[in-house]
Amino acid sequence: MVMALRHIGTCAVAFVLASCAGDNPENVPLYGEWQLVTKVDEFSVDGMSLPESNWPRQFHDLGKTETICGEPYFLEPKWQEFDIFRNASVECEFDRYDVTPQKVTARGVCPDAIPAANFSPKLSVDVSQNPERYRLFITMAGTATLPSGNGDRYLEVTAVQTGTRLGEC
């Protein structure tokens, strides 16, 4: 179970900044120095939310604050799919990806995310954005066969990342 959860947690915070120099005028968030605060918000098994004290250590390790020079980039679904793969070694595919100046909403699946657990979770992404700030919610949910002999369980994890532009870099 811990191995499956480690992959879920890694994928849940896979979105990062595009590091190309200069601002992309079509992208809402501006290029600059960004402070990113990431944390796993909730973890549930079979619909029961588990207290943080029962979460895998890897979930706690994902909680971090960092400062990065770049541009939060949510325009391209293929870039986001690649970013998930680059950060979590999990291939995900969006079947819906909608972008407005205020919001990005995406839905998809991560087929064979953890083949040993028969885990192919659904993926949802919701981003509220403006030039100086964004708030990203990412959820992965699905049934996994746990090796501990507990059979199939429905796992859901939600992570939150807030980004605040501090200024130029």
Protein backbone atom coordinates (compact mmCIF):
# COMPACT_ATOMS: atom_id res chain seq x y z
CA MET A 1 0.00 0.00 0.00
CA VAL A 2 2.79 2.45 0.84
CA MET A 3 4.33 2.02 -2.63
CA ALA A 4 0.98 2.79 -4.26
CA LEU A 5 0.50 5.82 -2.03
CA ARG A 6 3.98 7.13 -2.74
CA HIS A 7 3.17 7.23 -6.45
CA ILE A 8 -0.19 8.89 -5.82
CA GLY A 9 1.41 11.57 -3.67
CA THR A 10 4.20 12.24 -6.13
CA CYS A 11 1.75 12.68 -8.96
CA ALA A 12 -0.49 14.88 -6.89
CA VAL A 13 2.02 17.70 -6.83
CA ALA A 14 3.53 17.25 -10.25
CA PHE A 15 2.77 20.69 -11.67
CA VAL A 16 5.70 23.09 -11.70
CA LEU A 17 6.79 26.27 -13.40
CA ALA A 18 7.90 26.59 -16.98
CA SER A 19 11.48 27.75 -16.78
CA CYS A 20 11.89 29.47 -20.13
CA ALA A 21 13.25 32.98 -19.80
CA GLY A 22 10.69 35.68 -20.47
CA ASP A 23 6.94 35.92 -20.12
CA ASN A 24 4.54 34.11 -22.44
CA PRO A 25 1.89 36.78 -23.15
CA GLU A 26 -0.82 34.14 -23.82
CA ASN A 27 -0.30 32.62 -20.36
CA VAL A 28 -2.10 34.35 -17.46
CA PRO A 29 0.49 34.01 -14.65
CA LEU A 30 3.45 36.30 -15.22
CA TYR A 31 7.09 35.30 -15.42
CA GLY A 32 8.94 36.12 -12.20
CA GLU A 33 9.98 34.86 -8.80
CA TRP A 34 7.25 32.62 -7.41
CA GLN A 35 6.76 31.17 -3.96
CA LEU A 36 5.09 27.75 -4.15
CA VAL A 37 3.45 26.16 -1.13
CA THR A 38 2.51 22.51 -1.65
CA LYS A 39 0.76 20.05 0.63
CA VAL A 40 -1.40 16.96 0.56
CA ASP A 41 -4.79 18.23 1.65
CA GLU A 42 -6.75 15.04 2.16
CA PHE A 43 -6.34 11.29 1.88
CA SER A 44 -9.20 8.84 2.10
CA VAL A 45 -9.65 5.10 1.83
CA ASP A 46 -13.10 3.77 0.95
CA GLY A 47 -14.55 7.24 1.53
CA MET A 48 -13.18 7.62 5.05
CA SER A 49 -10.82 10.54 5.49
CA LEU A 50 -7.73 9.47 7.38
CA PRO A 51 -6.14 11.74 9.99
CA GLU A 52 -2.71 13.06 9.02
CA SER A 53 -1.13 10.88 11.70
CA ASN A 54 -2.15 7.82 9.61
CA TRP A 55 -0.86 9.13 6.28
CA PRO A 56 2.20 7.57 4.70
CA ARG A 57 5.41 9.44 5.52
CA GLN A 58 5.79 10.29 1.83
CA PHE A 59 2.71 12.50 1.98
CA HIS A 60 4.22 14.56 4.78
CA ASP A 61 7.48 14.81 2.81
CA LEU A 62 5.59 16.42 -0.08
CA GLY A 63 4.64 19.42 2.04
CA LYS A 64 7.08 22.15 1.17
CA THR A 65 7.59 25.80 0.42
CA GLU A 66 9.98 26.80 -2.33
CA THR A 67 10.89 29.85 -4.36
CA ILE A 68 11.46 29.42 -8.09
CA CYS A 69 12.11 31.79 -10.98
CA GLY A 70 9.81 30.95 -13.89
CA GLU A 71 6.25 31.09 -15.09
CA PRO A 72 3.37 28.89 -13.89
CA TYR A 73 2.22 27.34 -17.15
CA PHE A 74 -1.22 25.80 -17.51
CA LEU A 75 -2.01 26.45 -21.21
CA GLU A 76 -1.02 23.14 -22.81
CA PRO A 77 -2.44 19.76 -21.80
CA LYS A 78 0.47 17.89 -23.45
CA TRP A 79 2.94 19.95 -21.39
CA GLN A 80 1.03 19.05 -18.22
CA GLU A 81 0.96 15.36 -19.16
CA PHE A 82 4.71 15.47 -19.77
CA ASP A 83 5.27 17.29 -16.47
CA ILE A 84 3.39 14.59 -14.54
CA PHE A 85 5.47 11.92 -16.26
CA ARG A 86 8.72 13.83 -15.64
CA ASN A 87 7.97 14.25 -11.93
CA ALA A 88 6.18 11.01 -11.11
CA SER A 89 7.04 8.51 -13.85
CA VAL A 90 3.30 8.05 -14.35
CA GLU A 91 1.68 8.56 -17.73
CA CYS A 92 -1.61 10.41 -17.57
CA GLU A 93 -3.93 11.48 -20.36
CA PHE A 94 -6.41 14.33 -20.25
CA ASP A 95 -9.68 13.77 -22.07
CA ARG A 96 -10.91 17.26 -21.16
CA TYR A 97 -8.80 20.40 -20.75
CA ASP A 98 -10.48 23.81 -20.54
CA VAL A 99 -8.60 27.08 -20.09
CA THR A 100 -10.06 30.52 -19.38
CA PRO A 101 -8.22 33.58 -18.07
CA GLN A 102 -9.47 32.79 -14.55
CA LYS A 103 -9.61 29.00 -14.43
CA VAL A 104 -8.15 25.79 -15.79
CA THR A 105 -10.19 22.61 -15.46
CA ALA A 106 -8.93 19.24 -16.61
CA ARG A 107 -10.06 15.64 -16.31
CA GLY A 108 -8.37 12.44 -17.35
CA VAL A 109 -6.95 9.12 -16.31
CA CYS A 110 -3.55 7.66 -15.46
CA PRO A 111 -3.77 4.18 -17.04
CA ASP A 112 -1.63 1.59 -15.31
CA ALA A 113 -0.23 4.13 -12.84
CA ILE A 114 0.66 1.25 -10.56
CA PRO A 115 0.27 -2.01 -12.51
CA ALA A 116 1.00 -4.25 -9.50
CA ALA A 117 -1.99 -2.73 -7.69
CA ASN A 118 -4.21 -2.63 -10.80
CA PHE A 119 -4.43 1.13 -10.16
CA SER A 120 -5.57 3.41 -12.99
CA PRO A 121 -6.87 6.48 -11.13
CA LYS A 122 -9.01 9.23 -12.53
CA LEU A 123 -7.26 12.59 -12.44
CA SER A 124 -8.85 15.99 -11.97
CA VAL A 125 -7.16 19.37 -11.94
CA ASP A 126 -8.71 22.70 -11.00
CA VAL A 127 -6.65 25.89 -11.12
CA SER A 128 -7.80 29.38 -10.19
CA GLN A 129 -5.36 31.87 -11.66
CA ASN A 130 -4.49 35.51 -12.13
CA PRO A 131 -1.21 37.18 -13.12
CA GLU A 132 0.14 37.23 -9.54
CA ARG A 133 -1.36 34.15 -7.88
CA TYR A 134 -2.78 30.71 -8.52
CA ARG A 135 -4.32 27.93 -6.47
CA LEU A 136 -4.16 24.41 -7.87
CA PHE A 137 -6.19 21.45 -6.62
CA ILE A 138 -5.28 18.04 -8.04
CA THR A 139 -7.13 14.85 -7.19
CA MET A 140 -6.33 11.26 -8.06
CA ALA A 141 -8.95 8.65 -7.25
CA GLY A 142 -9.58 5.03 -8.08
CA THR A 143 -9.65 1.45 -6.93
CA ALA A 144 -6.41 -0.31 -6.06
CA THR A 145 -5.73 -3.90 -5.10
CA LEU A 146 -3.63 -3.66 -1.97
CA PRO A 147 -0.89 -6.25 -1.43
CA SER A 148 -1.62 -6.49 2.30
CA GLY A 149 -4.45 -8.91 1.59
CA ASN A 150 -7.11 -6.28 2.22
CA GLY A 151 -8.47 -6.59 -1.31
CA ASP A 152 -9.68 -3.71 -3.43
CA ARG A 153 -9.89 -0.28 -1.83
CA TYR A 154 -11.01 3.06 -3.23
CA LEU A 155 -8.18 5.56 -2.70
CA GLU A 156 -8.46 9.31 -3.11
CA VAL A 157 -5.81 11.93 -2.49
CA THR A 158 -6.08 15.68 -2.97
CA ALA A 159 -3.13 18.00 -3.02
CA VAL A 160 -3.08 21.79 -3.07
CA GLN A 161 -0.43 24.11 -4.40
CA THR A 162 -0.59 27.87 -4.08
CA GLY A 163 1.69 30.09 -6.04
CA THR A 164 2.33 33.72 -5.23
CA ARG A 165 4.44 35.97 -7.45
CA LEU A 166 7.00 37.82 -5.33
CA GLY A 167 8.35 40.05 -8.09
CA GLU A 168 10.96 39.98 -10.84
CA CYS A 169 13.80 37.45 -10.86
